[in-house]
Amino acid sequence: MSVRNSFVETFSEDQAMRIEQAAYYHLNGINSANKGSDPFKWACLIVIGYQCVEKYPKDHSITVSQDDFKKWCLEHGELGSHDGDCDYIALFCGMYSEYIKDAKEAKS
């Protein structure tokens, strides 16, 4: 099952589209020139970096809670295997480590 399909199965097609729309709202030449082999992973990383689920869900009509999103990312998101661009400031600040299983295990 694809990462996007897993998200849809867990939350809904509407919420998957909201995640994608939020990511596209924040795209720029630095964070989006290469969306990688799985653009939904890219979208998840962008919304994490811009805190769309954490602090600004109403701005993007996202109804998935931060806790549920984080849990899904850790269990099904496979974000550690993303092979494209991301929000590099978020990466350097360590914002992704709470959402990537291997990174979270390495911190423990």
Protein backbone atom coordinates (compact mmCIF):
# COMPACT_ATOMS: atom_id res chain seq x y z
CA MET A 1 0.00 0.00 0.00
CA SER A 2 1.32 3.45 -0.82
CA VAL A 3 1.96 5.98 1.91
CA ARG A 4 -0.84 8.18 0.58
CA ASN A 5 -3.29 5.28 0.47
CA SER A 6 -2.43 4.46 4.07
CA PHE A 7 -3.14 8.07 5.04
CA VAL A 8 -6.46 8.01 3.16
CA GLU A 9 -7.42 4.73 4.80
CA THR A 10 -6.65 6.16 8.23
CA PHE A 11 -7.97 9.72 7.87
CA SER A 12 -9.81 10.28 4.53
CA GLU A 13 -9.24 11.43 0.97
CA ASP A 14 -10.31 14.93 1.97
CA GLN A 15 -7.61 15.17 4.64
CA ALA A 16 -4.97 13.79 2.26
CA MET A 17 -5.92 16.53 -0.19
CA ARG A 18 -5.73 19.12 2.62
CA ILE A 19 -2.19 17.99 3.45
CA GLU A 20 -1.21 18.24 -0.22
CA GLN A 21 -2.85 21.65 -0.63
CA ALA A 22 -1.10 22.98 2.48
CA ALA A 23 2.25 21.75 1.17
CA TYR A 24 1.66 23.35 -2.22
CA TYR A 25 0.73 26.59 -0.49
CA HIS A 26 4.24 26.65 0.99
CA LEU A 27 6.19 25.37 -2.01
CA ASN A 28 9.13 27.34 -3.32
CA GLY A 29 12.16 26.65 -5.48
CA ILE A 30 14.22 25.52 -2.50
CA ASN A 31 11.83 23.07 -0.85
CA SER A 32 10.06 21.74 -3.92
CA ALA A 33 12.33 21.44 -6.95
CA ASN A 34 12.56 17.69 -6.30
CA LYS A 35 9.50 16.18 -4.63
CA GLY A 36 11.12 12.75 -4.72
CA SER A 37 9.68 9.44 -5.78
CA ASP A 38 6.71 9.83 -3.40
CA PRO A 39 5.24 13.35 -3.48
CA PHE A 40 2.97 12.59 -0.52
CA LYS A 41 6.01 12.09 1.72
CA TRP A 42 7.23 15.47 0.48
CA ALA A 43 3.84 17.00 1.35
CA CYS A 44 3.98 15.54 4.87
CA LEU A 45 7.48 16.91 5.42
CA ILE A 46 6.48 20.37 4.23
CA VAL A 47 3.42 20.54 6.51
CA ILE A 48 5.58 19.40 9.43
CA GLY A 49 8.14 22.09 8.68
CA TYR A 50 5.52 24.81 8.35
CA GLN A 51 3.60 23.47 11.36
CA CYS A 52 0.38 23.22 9.37
CA VAL A 53 -1.00 20.39 11.54
CA GLU A 54 0.60 21.53 14.78
CA LYS A 55 -0.19 25.26 14.87
CA TYR A 56 -2.18 26.21 11.77
CA PRO A 57 -4.66 23.41 11.02
CA LYS A 58 -7.62 25.80 10.73
CA ASP A 59 -5.79 27.84 8.08
CA HIS A 60 -5.64 24.70 5.92
CA SER A 61 -8.90 23.01 7.03
CA ILE A 62 -6.92 20.11 8.46
CA THR A 63 -8.91 18.23 11.09
CA VAL A 64 -6.35 15.50 11.85
CA SER A 65 -4.94 16.10 15.31
CA GLN A 66 -1.21 16.60 15.72
CA ASP A 67 -0.98 13.50 17.92
CA ASP A 68 -2.78 11.32 15.37
CA PHE A 69 -0.70 12.74 12.51
CA LYS A 70 2.55 12.15 14.40
CA LYS A 71 1.52 8.60 15.30
CA TRP A 72 0.59 7.87 11.68
CA CYS A 73 3.91 9.32 10.44
CA LEU A 74 5.85 7.11 12.84
CA GLU A 75 3.89 3.96 12.00
CA HIS A 76 3.14 4.38 8.28
CA GLY A 77 4.67 7.56 6.87
CA GLU A 78 8.10 6.15 5.99
CA LEU A 79 9.40 9.74 6.00
CA GLY A 80 12.97 8.65 6.70
CA SER A 81 13.15 7.12 3.23
CA HIS A 82 12.09 10.31 1.44
CA ASP A 83 14.44 10.96 -1.48
CA GLY A 84 13.58 14.53 -2.41
CA ASP A 85 13.53 18.04 -1.03
CA CYS A 86 12.04 19.08 2.29
CA ASP A 87 11.90 22.16 4.47
CA TYR A 88 15.63 22.43 5.05
CA ILE A 89 15.32 24.86 7.95
CA ALA A 90 13.03 22.36 9.69
CA LEU A 91 15.55 19.61 8.94
CA PHE A 92 18.46 21.58 10.42
CA CYS A 93 16.37 22.49 13.48
CA GLY A 94 15.54 18.83 14.12
CA MET A 95 11.80 19.26 13.62
CA TYR A 96 11.49 15.99 11.71
CA SER A 97 13.02 13.75 14.36
CA GLU A 98 9.72 13.42 16.24
CA TYR A 99 8.01 12.22 13.05
CA ILE A 100 10.58 9.74 11.74
CA LYS A 101 10.77 6.38 13.44
CA ASP A 102 14.52 5.80 13.12
CA ALA A 103 15.33 9.32 14.28
CA LYS A 104 13.05 8.99 17.30
CA GLU A 105 14.62 5.64 18.24
CA ALA A 106 18.12 7.11 17.86
CA LYS A 107 17.26 9.86 20.37
CA SER A 108 16.21 7.32 23.02
